[in-house]
Amino acid sequence: MLSSTRSWIRTGVSALSCLAALSWVSAASAQTTTSEEGYVPNRFMLTTGLILWGVPYTASVVTAAQSSNPADQHLYVPIVGPWIDLSQRGGCPVAANSCNTETTNKVLLVGDGIFQAIGTLDVLWAFLRPEHREITTVSATRYTPKIAFAPSSVASGYGLTALAVF
């Protein structure tokens, strides 16, 4: 009875040690690492440039659609539209109170033209000064170890033999 109990204990210890050996396979042997390098536009500058160009241009298009002034129709043209509009606006004596809105419109046109130009330069600069990116991809391979157990005779009794393929 004592001998059969020891035999079962040996069998259990052998089986557990084989399972432990299988689960101890290092993660590095089951993974493939690839690395690639590339250049992409500077994301921060590109985003900033699109915002700096897009917001004023959108305001210009809305103004051109709603305005009855023929000079404002040039606001549909990006970047140079505000400057053409500014050059074609009629003059107004500065001392007259009725010119306050026209002076405000001219100041807004200058600001619109400046922001559109800065946004355009920022977008161009994002492509001229790209970011360097290194992408490392670690992918796991399908790992299927094979193991077989078979009874075997040992010097004074029986045991269990484990055969594994890694």
N, C-alpha and C. Protein backbone atom coordinates (compact mmCIF):
# COMPACT_ATOMS: atom_id res chain seq x y z
N MET A 1 0.82 -1.19 0.00
CA MET A 1 0.00 0.00 0.00
C MET A 1 0.87 1.25 0.00
N LEU A 2 1.92 1.23 0.84
CA LEU A 2 2.82 2.36 0.91
C LEU A 2 3.57 2.55 -0.40
N SER A 3 3.92 1.45 -1.03
CA SER A 3 4.64 1.49 -2.30
C SER A 3 3.78 2.08 -3.41
N SER A 4 2.50 1.73 -3.46
CA SER A 4 1.63 2.27 -4.51
C SER A 4 1.35 3.76 -4.28
N THR A 5 1.30 4.17 -3.02
CA THR A 5 1.12 5.59 -2.72
C THR A 5 2.33 6.38 -3.19
N ARG A 6 3.52 5.87 -2.93
CA ARG A 6 4.74 6.54 -3.38
C ARG A 6 4.80 6.59 -4.91
N SER A 7 4.33 5.55 -5.53
CA SER A 7 4.31 5.49 -6.99
C SER A 7 3.40 6.59 -7.54
N TRP A 8 2.26 6.76 -6.95
CA TRP A 8 1.33 7.82 -7.39
C TRP A 8 1.91 9.20 -7.11
N ILE A 9 2.60 9.34 -6.01
CA ILE A 9 3.22 10.63 -5.70
C ILE A 9 4.30 10.95 -6.72
N ARG A 10 5.13 9.95 -7.06
CA ARG A 10 6.16 10.16 -8.08
C ARG A 10 5.54 10.52 -9.43
N THR A 11 4.47 9.82 -9.75
CA THR A 11 3.79 10.09 -11.02
C THR A 11 3.24 11.52 -11.04
N GLY A 12 2.64 11.93 -9.95
CA GLY A 12 2.10 13.28 -9.86
C GLY A 12 3.19 14.34 -9.93
N VAL A 13 4.30 14.09 -9.22
CA VAL A 13 5.43 15.04 -9.25
C VAL A 13 6.01 15.12 -10.65
N SER A 14 6.13 14.00 -11.33
CA SER A 14 6.66 13.99 -12.70
C SER A 14 5.74 14.76 -13.64
N ALA A 15 4.46 14.53 -13.51
CA ALA A 15 3.50 15.23 -14.38
C ALA A 15 3.52 16.73 -14.11
N LEU A 16 3.56 17.13 -12.85
CA LEU A 16 3.59 18.56 -12.52
C LEU A 16 4.88 19.21 -12.99
N SER A 17 5.99 18.50 -12.90
CA SER A 17 7.24 19.08 -13.36
C SER A 17 7.25 19.25 -14.88
N CYS A 18 6.63 18.32 -15.58
CA CYS A 18 6.53 18.46 -17.04
C CYS A 18 5.64 19.64 -17.41
N LEU A 19 4.54 19.78 -16.74
CA LEU A 19 3.65 20.92 -17.01
C LEU A 19 4.33 22.24 -16.66
N ALA A 20 5.08 22.24 -15.58
CA ALA A 20 5.80 23.46 -15.21
C ALA A 20 6.85 23.81 -16.26
N ALA A 21 7.53 22.81 -16.79
CA ALA A 21 8.53 23.06 -17.82
C ALA A 21 7.88 23.61 -19.08
N LEU A 22 6.70 23.13 -19.42
CA LEU A 22 6.00 23.63 -20.60
C LEU A 22 5.53 25.08 -20.41
N SER A 23 5.08 25.41 -19.22
CA SER A 23 4.58 26.76 -19.00
C SER A 23 5.70 27.76 -18.77
N TRP A 24 6.93 27.28 -18.60
CA TRP A 24 8.05 28.17 -18.33
C TRP A 24 8.74 28.65 -19.60
N VAL A 25 8.25 28.26 -20.75
CA VAL A 25 8.85 28.68 -22.00
C VAL A 25 8.87 30.20 -22.04
N SER A 26 10.00 30.76 -22.35
CA SER A 26 10.12 32.22 -22.32
C SER A 26 9.25 32.85 -23.39
N ALA A 27 8.76 34.03 -23.09
CA ALA A 27 7.91 34.76 -24.02
C ALA A 27 8.68 35.19 -25.27
N ALA A 28 9.97 35.38 -25.15
CA ALA A 28 10.78 35.83 -26.28
C ALA A 28 10.82 34.78 -27.39
N SER A 29 10.79 33.50 -27.02
CA SER A 29 10.84 32.48 -28.06
C SER A 29 9.53 32.35 -28.80
N ALA A 30 8.46 32.90 -28.25
CA ALA A 30 7.15 32.81 -28.89
C ALA A 30 6.74 34.12 -29.55
N GLN A 31 7.67 35.06 -29.73
CA GLN A 31 7.34 36.35 -30.31
C GLN A 31 8.26 36.68 -31.46
N THR A 32 7.73 37.47 -32.37
CA THR A 32 8.52 37.97 -33.48
C THR A 32 8.52 39.49 -33.40
N THR A 33 9.68 40.11 -33.49
CA THR A 33 9.77 41.56 -33.40
C THR A 33 10.23 42.10 -34.74
N THR A 34 9.46 43.06 -35.26
CA THR A 34 9.85 43.75 -36.49
C THR A 34 9.89 45.24 -36.20
N SER A 35 10.78 45.92 -36.85
CA SER A 35 10.94 47.35 -36.63
C SER A 35 11.03 48.04 -37.98
N GLU A 36 10.33 49.16 -38.11
CA GLU A 36 10.39 49.93 -39.34
C GLU A 36 10.49 51.40 -38.99
N GLU A 37 11.16 52.12 -39.83
CA GLU A 37 11.35 53.55 -39.61
C GLU A 37 10.69 54.31 -40.74
N GLY A 38 10.26 55.52 -40.43
CA GLY A 38 9.65 56.33 -41.47
C GLY A 38 9.52 57.77 -41.02
N TYR A 39 9.15 58.58 -41.97
CA TYR A 39 8.94 59.99 -41.69
C TYR A 39 7.49 60.32 -41.98
N VAL A 40 6.88 61.04 -41.07
CA VAL A 40 5.50 61.49 -41.24
C VAL A 40 5.47 62.99 -41.00
N PRO A 41 4.47 63.67 -41.55
CA PRO A 41 4.39 65.12 -41.30
C PRO A 41 4.30 65.40 -39.79
N ASN A 42 4.85 66.51 -39.40
CA ASN A 42 4.80 66.92 -37.99
C ASN A 42 3.33 67.12 -37.62
N ARG A 43 2.80 66.25 -36.78
CA ARG A 43 1.37 66.26 -36.47
C ARG A 43 0.94 67.52 -35.74
N PHE A 44 1.76 68.01 -34.84
CA PHE A 44 1.39 69.21 -34.09
C PHE A 44 1.31 70.41 -35.01
N MET A 45 2.33 70.56 -35.87
CA MET A 45 2.33 71.70 -36.78
C MET A 45 1.21 71.60 -37.81
N LEU A 46 0.93 70.40 -38.27
CA LEU A 46 -0.13 70.20 -39.25
C LEU A 46 -1.49 70.55 -38.65
N THR A 47 -1.73 70.09 -37.45
CA THR A 47 -3.01 70.38 -36.78
C THR A 47 -3.15 71.87 -36.51
N THR A 48 -2.09 72.48 -35.99
CA THR A 48 -2.12 73.91 -35.70
C THR A 48 -2.34 74.72 -36.97
N GLY A 49 -1.64 74.34 -38.03
CA GLY A 49 -1.77 75.06 -39.29
C GLY A 49 -3.16 74.95 -39.88
N LEU A 50 -3.74 73.76 -39.81
CA LEU A 50 -5.10 73.59 -40.35
C LEU A 50 -6.12 74.40 -39.55
N ILE A 51 -5.93 74.50 -38.25
CA ILE A 51 -6.84 75.31 -37.43
C ILE A 51 -6.63 76.80 -37.73
N LEU A 52 -5.35 77.22 -37.78
CA LEU A 52 -5.06 78.63 -38.05
C LEU A 52 -5.53 79.07 -39.44
N TRP A 53 -5.55 78.16 -40.39
CA TRP A 53 -6.03 78.49 -41.73
C TRP A 53 -7.54 78.29 -41.83
N GLY A 54 -8.05 77.20 -41.26
CA GLY A 54 -9.45 76.82 -41.45
C GLY A 54 -10.46 77.71 -40.77
N VAL A 55 -10.17 78.12 -39.55
CA VAL A 55 -11.15 78.95 -38.82
C VAL A 55 -11.35 80.30 -39.51
N PRO A 56 -10.29 81.05 -39.83
CA PRO A 56 -10.51 82.33 -40.51
C PRO A 56 -11.10 82.17 -41.92
N TYR A 57 -10.71 81.12 -42.62
CA TYR A 57 -11.25 80.93 -43.97
C TYR A 57 -12.74 80.61 -43.91
N THR A 58 -13.16 79.81 -42.92
CA THR A 58 -14.57 79.53 -42.74
C THR A 58 -15.35 80.81 -42.45
N ALA A 59 -14.79 81.65 -41.60
CA ALA A 59 -15.44 82.95 -41.32
C ALA A 59 -15.51 83.81 -42.58
N SER A 60 -14.49 83.75 -43.42
CA SER A 60 -14.49 84.52 -44.66
C SER A 60 -15.57 84.03 -45.61
N VAL A 61 -15.73 82.73 -45.74
CA VAL A 61 -16.74 82.18 -46.63
C VAL A 61 -18.14 82.54 -46.15
N VAL A 62 -18.37 82.48 -44.84
CA VAL A 62 -19.67 82.85 -44.30
C VAL A 62 -19.94 84.34 -44.56
N THR A 63 -18.93 85.17 -44.37
CA THR A 63 -19.08 86.61 -44.62
C THR A 63 -19.35 86.87 -46.10
N ALA A 64 -18.64 86.19 -46.98
CA ALA A 64 -18.85 86.38 -48.42
C ALA A 64 -20.25 85.95 -48.84
N ALA A 65 -20.78 84.92 -48.22
CA ALA A 65 -22.11 84.43 -48.58
C ALA A 65 -23.21 85.39 -48.11
N GLN A 66 -22.97 86.11 -47.00
CA GLN A 66 -24.00 86.98 -46.43
C GLN A 66 -23.87 88.44 -46.82
N SER A 67 -22.74 88.85 -47.35
CA SER A 67 -22.48 90.26 -47.60
C SER A 67 -23.06 90.71 -48.94
N SER A 68 -23.50 91.98 -48.96
CA SER A 68 -23.98 92.58 -50.22
C SER A 68 -22.88 93.41 -50.88
N ASN A 69 -21.76 93.58 -50.21
CA ASN A 69 -20.64 94.35 -50.77
C ASN A 69 -19.96 93.49 -51.84
N PRO A 70 -19.81 94.01 -53.08
CA PRO A 70 -19.19 93.21 -54.14
C PRO A 70 -17.73 92.85 -53.85
N ALA A 71 -17.03 93.65 -53.08
CA ALA A 71 -15.62 93.35 -52.77
C ALA A 71 -15.50 92.10 -51.90
N ASP A 72 -16.53 91.82 -51.10
CA ASP A 72 -16.50 90.66 -50.21
C ASP A 72 -16.59 89.33 -50.95
N GLN A 73 -16.93 89.33 -52.21
CA GLN A 73 -17.01 88.09 -52.98
C GLN A 73 -15.62 87.47 -53.19
N HIS A 74 -14.58 88.27 -53.00
CA HIS A 74 -13.21 87.76 -53.12
C HIS A 74 -12.81 86.92 -51.91
N LEU A 75 -13.61 86.95 -50.87
CA LEU A 75 -13.29 86.16 -49.67
C LEU A 75 -13.43 84.65 -49.90
N TYR A 76 -14.05 84.25 -51.00
CA TYR A 76 -14.12 82.83 -51.33
C TYR A 76 -12.74 82.27 -51.70
N VAL A 77 -11.84 83.14 -52.11
CA VAL A 77 -10.49 82.72 -52.49
C VAL A 77 -9.64 82.62 -51.22
N PRO A 78 -9.07 81.44 -50.95
CA PRO A 78 -8.27 81.32 -49.73
C PRO A 78 -6.95 82.08 -49.83
N ILE A 79 -6.45 82.52 -48.73
CA ILE A 79 -5.15 83.16 -48.50
C ILE A 79 -5.09 84.58 -49.08
N VAL A 80 -5.34 84.75 -50.37
CA VAL A 80 -5.22 86.10 -50.97
C VAL A 80 -6.54 86.84 -51.01
N GLY A 81 -7.65 86.15 -50.78
CA GLY A 81 -8.97 86.79 -50.84
C GLY A 81 -9.13 87.98 -49.91
N PRO A 82 -8.71 87.89 -48.64
CA PRO A 82 -8.85 89.05 -47.76
C PRO A 82 -8.04 90.26 -48.25
N TRP A 83 -6.87 90.02 -48.85
CA TRP A 83 -6.05 91.14 -49.31
C TRP A 83 -6.66 91.79 -50.56
N ILE A 84 -7.24 90.99 -51.45
CA ILE A 84 -7.93 91.56 -52.61
C ILE A 84 -9.14 92.35 -52.16
N ASP A 85 -9.89 91.80 -51.22
CA ASP A 85 -11.07 92.49 -50.68
C ASP A 85 -10.66 93.82 -50.05
N LEU A 86 -9.57 93.82 -49.31
CA LEU A 86 -9.09 95.04 -48.65
C LEU A 86 -8.72 96.11 -49.68
N SER A 87 -8.09 95.69 -50.77
CA SER A 87 -7.67 96.66 -51.79
C SER A 87 -8.84 97.22 -52.59
N GLN A 88 -9.95 96.51 -52.69
CA GLN A 88 -11.08 96.95 -53.49
C GLN A 88 -12.17 97.64 -52.69
N ARG A 89 -11.99 97.78 -51.41
CA ARG A 89 -12.99 98.48 -50.59
C ARG A 89 -12.86 99.98 -50.82
N GLY A 90 -13.99 100.64 -50.76
CA GLY A 90 -14.00 102.09 -50.96
C GLY A 90 -13.42 102.82 -49.76
N GLY A 91 -12.97 104.02 -50.00
CA GLY A 91 -12.42 104.84 -48.93
C GLY A 91 -13.52 105.47 -48.09
N CYS A 92 -13.13 105.92 -46.92
CA CYS A 92 -14.08 106.55 -46.02
C CYS A 92 -13.30 107.51 -45.14
N PRO A 93 -13.77 108.75 -45.00
CA PRO A 93 -13.06 109.67 -44.12
C PRO A 93 -13.06 109.17 -42.69
N VAL A 94 -11.91 109.22 -42.06
CA VAL A 94 -11.74 108.67 -40.71
C VAL A 94 -12.58 109.43 -39.70
N ALA A 95 -12.80 110.74 -39.90
CA ALA A 95 -13.53 111.55 -38.93
C ALA A 95 -15.01 111.24 -38.89
N ALA A 96 -15.57 110.66 -39.90
CA ALA A 96 -17.00 110.38 -39.94
C ALA A 96 -17.33 109.19 -39.03
N ASN A 97 -18.42 109.33 -38.27
CA ASN A 97 -18.84 108.25 -37.37
C ASN A 97 -19.36 107.04 -38.13
N SER A 98 -19.84 107.24 -39.34
CA SER A 98 -20.37 106.13 -40.12
C SER A 98 -19.28 105.19 -40.60
N CYS A 99 -18.03 105.60 -40.49
CA CYS A 99 -16.91 104.77 -40.95
C CYS A 99 -16.40 103.80 -39.89
N ASN A 100 -16.96 103.82 -38.70
CA ASN A 100 -16.48 102.93 -37.64
C ASN A 100 -16.61 101.46 -38.04
N THR A 101 -17.74 101.12 -38.63
CA THR A 101 -17.92 99.71 -39.03
C THR A 101 -16.99 99.34 -40.18
N GLU A 102 -16.75 100.27 -41.10
CA GLU A 102 -15.85 99.98 -42.22
C GLU A 102 -14.41 99.82 -41.73
N THR A 103 -14.00 100.62 -40.76
CA THR A 103 -12.66 100.49 -40.19
C THR A 103 -12.52 99.14 -39.48
N THR A 104 -13.55 98.74 -38.75
CA THR A 104 -13.55 97.44 -38.08
C THR A 104 -13.46 96.31 -39.11
N ASN A 105 -14.20 96.44 -40.22
CA ASN A 105 -14.15 95.42 -41.27
C ASN A 105 -12.75 95.30 -41.85
N LYS A 106 -12.08 96.42 -42.05
CA LYS A 106 -10.73 96.40 -42.62
C LYS A 106 -9.73 95.76 -41.65
N VAL A 107 -9.86 96.06 -40.38
CA VAL A 107 -8.99 95.44 -39.37
C VAL A 107 -9.22 93.93 -39.33
N LEU A 108 -10.48 93.50 -39.41
CA LEU A 108 -10.79 92.07 -39.43
C LEU A 108 -10.25 91.39 -40.69
N LEU A 109 -10.30 92.09 -41.82
CA LEU A 109 -9.74 91.54 -43.06
C LEU A 109 -8.23 91.34 -42.95
N VAL A 110 -7.54 92.30 -42.34
CA VAL A 110 -6.09 92.17 -42.16
C VAL A 110 -5.78 90.98 -41.25
N GLY A 111 -6.51 90.86 -40.15
CA GLY A 111 -6.31 89.73 -39.23
C GLY A 111 -6.61 88.41 -39.92
N ASP A 112 -7.69 88.38 -40.72
CA ASP A 112 -8.06 87.17 -41.46
C ASP A 112 -6.95 86.77 -42.43
N GLY A 113 -6.42 87.74 -43.17
CA GLY A 113 -5.34 87.45 -44.12
C GLY A 113 -4.07 86.98 -43.43
N ILE A 114 -3.74 87.58 -42.29
CA ILE A 114 -2.53 87.18 -41.56
C ILE A 114 -2.66 85.76 -41.03
N PHE A 115 -3.80 85.43 -40.42
CA PHE A 115 -3.98 84.08 -39.86
C PHE A 115 -4.03 83.01 -40.94
N GLN A 116 -4.67 83.31 -42.08
CA GLN A 116 -4.68 82.34 -43.18
C GLN A 116 -3.26 82.09 -43.71
N ALA A 117 -2.48 83.17 -43.81
CA ALA A 117 -1.10 83.02 -44.31
C ALA A 117 -0.24 82.22 -43.33
N ILE A 118 -0.36 82.51 -42.03
CA ILE A 118 0.41 81.77 -41.02
C ILE A 118 0.00 80.30 -41.02
N GLY A 119 -1.30 80.03 -41.10
CA GLY A 119 -1.77 78.64 -41.14
C GLY A 119 -1.25 77.89 -42.34
N THR A 120 -1.23 78.55 -43.50
CA THR A 120 -0.72 77.92 -44.71
C THR A 120 0.77 77.61 -44.58
N LEU A 121 1.53 78.56 -44.06
CA LEU A 121 2.97 78.33 -43.86
C LEU A 121 3.22 77.21 -42.85
N ASP A 122 2.38 77.15 -41.84
CA ASP A 122 2.52 76.11 -40.82
C ASP A 122 2.27 74.72 -41.43
N VAL A 123 1.26 74.60 -42.29
CA VAL A 123 0.98 73.32 -42.94
C VAL A 123 2.14 72.92 -43.85
N LEU A 124 2.65 73.86 -44.62
CA LEU A 124 3.79 73.57 -45.50
C LEU A 124 5.03 73.17 -44.68
N TRP A 125 5.25 73.85 -43.59
CA TRP A 125 6.40 73.56 -42.74
C TRP A 125 6.27 72.17 -42.10
N ALA A 126 5.06 71.73 -41.83
CA ALA A 126 4.85 70.40 -41.26
C ALA A 126 5.33 69.31 -42.21
N PHE A 127 5.23 69.55 -43.52
CA PHE A 127 5.71 68.57 -44.49
C PHE A 127 7.20 68.72 -44.77
N LEU A 128 7.72 69.94 -44.61
CA LEU A 128 9.15 70.16 -44.85
C LEU A 128 10.01 69.70 -43.67
N ARG A 129 9.46 69.70 -42.48
CA ARG A 129 10.16 69.26 -41.27
C ARG A 129 9.39 68.11 -40.63
N PRO A 130 9.42 66.91 -41.25
CA PRO A 130 8.62 65.80 -40.75
C PRO A 130 9.18 65.22 -39.45
N GLU A 131 8.32 64.45 -38.79
CA GLU A 131 8.72 63.73 -37.59
C GLU A 131 9.35 62.40 -38.00
N HIS A 132 10.34 61.99 -37.25
CA HIS A 132 10.95 60.68 -37.45
C HIS A 132 10.25 59.71 -36.51
N ARG A 133 9.67 58.66 -37.07
CA ARG A 133 8.97 57.68 -36.25
C ARG A 133 9.59 56.31 -36.43
N GLU A 134 9.76 55.63 -35.32
CA GLU A 134 10.21 54.25 -35.36
C GLU A 134 9.11 53.40 -34.77
N ILE A 135 8.62 52.49 -35.56
CA ILE A 135 7.50 51.65 -35.14
C ILE A 135 8.04 50.24 -34.90
N THR A 136 7.86 49.75 -33.69
CA THR A 136 8.27 48.40 -33.34
C THR A 136 7.03 47.57 -33.11
N THR A 137 6.93 46.49 -33.84
CA THR A 137 5.77 45.62 -33.73
C THR A 137 6.21 44.29 -33.15
N VAL A 138 5.56 43.89 -32.09
CA VAL A 138 5.84 42.60 -31.47
C VAL A 138 4.61 41.74 -31.66
N SER A 139 4.76 40.67 -32.40
CA SER A 139 3.61 39.81 -32.65
C SER A 139 3.91 38.41 -32.11
N ALA A 140 2.95 37.85 -31.47
CA ALA A 140 3.10 36.51 -30.92
C ALA A 140 2.82 35.48 -32.01
N THR A 141 3.62 34.47 -32.03
CA THR A 141 3.39 33.38 -32.98
C THR A 141 2.57 32.30 -32.29
N ARG A 142 1.89 31.56 -33.07
CA ARG A 142 1.09 30.48 -32.49
C ARG A 142 2.05 29.39 -32.01
N TYR A 143 2.03 29.18 -30.73
CA TYR A 143 2.96 28.23 -30.12
C TYR A 143 2.16 27.05 -29.59
N THR A 144 2.39 25.88 -30.15
CA THR A 144 1.68 24.69 -29.70
C THR A 144 2.69 23.59 -29.36
N PRO A 145 3.12 23.56 -28.11
CA PRO A 145 4.02 22.48 -27.72
C PRO A 145 3.28 21.14 -27.70
N LYS A 146 4.01 20.09 -27.95
CA LYS A 146 3.42 18.75 -27.95
C LYS A 146 4.05 17.95 -26.81
N ILE A 147 3.19 17.28 -26.08
CA ILE A 147 3.68 16.48 -24.96
C ILE A 147 2.93 15.15 -24.95
N ALA A 148 3.66 14.11 -24.60
CA ALA A 148 3.06 12.77 -24.50
C ALA A 148 3.54 12.11 -23.22
N PHE A 149 2.63 11.46 -22.53
CA PHE A 149 2.96 10.73 -21.30
C PHE A 149 2.82 9.24 -21.57
N ALA A 150 3.73 8.46 -20.97
CA ALA A 150 3.67 7.01 -21.14
C ALA A 150 4.16 6.35 -19.84
N PRO A 151 3.54 5.26 -19.47
CA PRO A 151 4.01 4.55 -18.28
C PRO A 151 5.36 3.90 -18.57
N SER A 152 6.18 3.82 -17.55
CA SER A 152 7.50 3.20 -17.73
C SER A 152 7.92 2.51 -16.44
N SER A 153 8.82 1.58 -16.60
CA SER A 153 9.30 0.88 -15.40
C SER A 153 10.59 1.52 -14.93
N VAL A 154 10.67 1.71 -13.64
CA VAL A 154 11.84 2.29 -13.01
C VAL A 154 12.50 1.15 -12.23
N ALA A 155 13.69 1.35 -11.70
CA ALA A 155 14.47 0.29 -11.04
C ALA A 155 13.64 -0.56 -10.09
N SER A 156 12.88 0.03 -9.19
CA SER A 156 12.15 -0.77 -8.22
C SER A 156 10.64 -0.62 -8.34
N GLY A 157 10.15 -0.08 -9.43
CA GLY A 157 8.71 0.10 -9.56
C GLY A 157 8.36 0.68 -10.92
N TYR A 158 7.29 1.40 -10.91
CA TYR A 158 6.79 2.00 -12.15
C TYR A 158 6.75 3.52 -12.03
N GLY A 159 6.76 4.16 -13.19
CA GLY A 159 6.71 5.62 -13.20
C GLY A 159 6.05 6.13 -14.48
N LEU A 160 6.26 7.38 -14.72
CA LEU A 160 5.64 8.00 -15.87
C LEU A 160 6.72 8.75 -16.65
N THR A 161 6.76 8.52 -17.95
CA THR A 161 7.72 9.20 -18.80
C THR A 161 6.99 10.26 -19.60
N ALA A 162 7.56 11.44 -19.65
CA ALA A 162 6.98 12.52 -20.44
C ALA A 162 7.92 12.88 -21.57
N LEU A 163 7.40 12.92 -22.79
CA LEU A 163 8.15 13.31 -23.96
C LEU A 163 7.54 14.62 -24.49
N ALA A 164 8.38 15.62 -24.65
CA ALA A 164 7.86 16.93 -25.09
C ALA A 164 8.65 17.41 -26.29
N VAL A 165 7.96 18.09 -27.19
CA VAL A 165 8.57 18.73 -28.35
C VAL A 165 8.30 20.23 -28.24
N PHE A 166 9.37 21.02 -28.19
CA PHE A 166 9.21 22.48 -28.04
C PHE A 166 9.46 23.15 -29.36
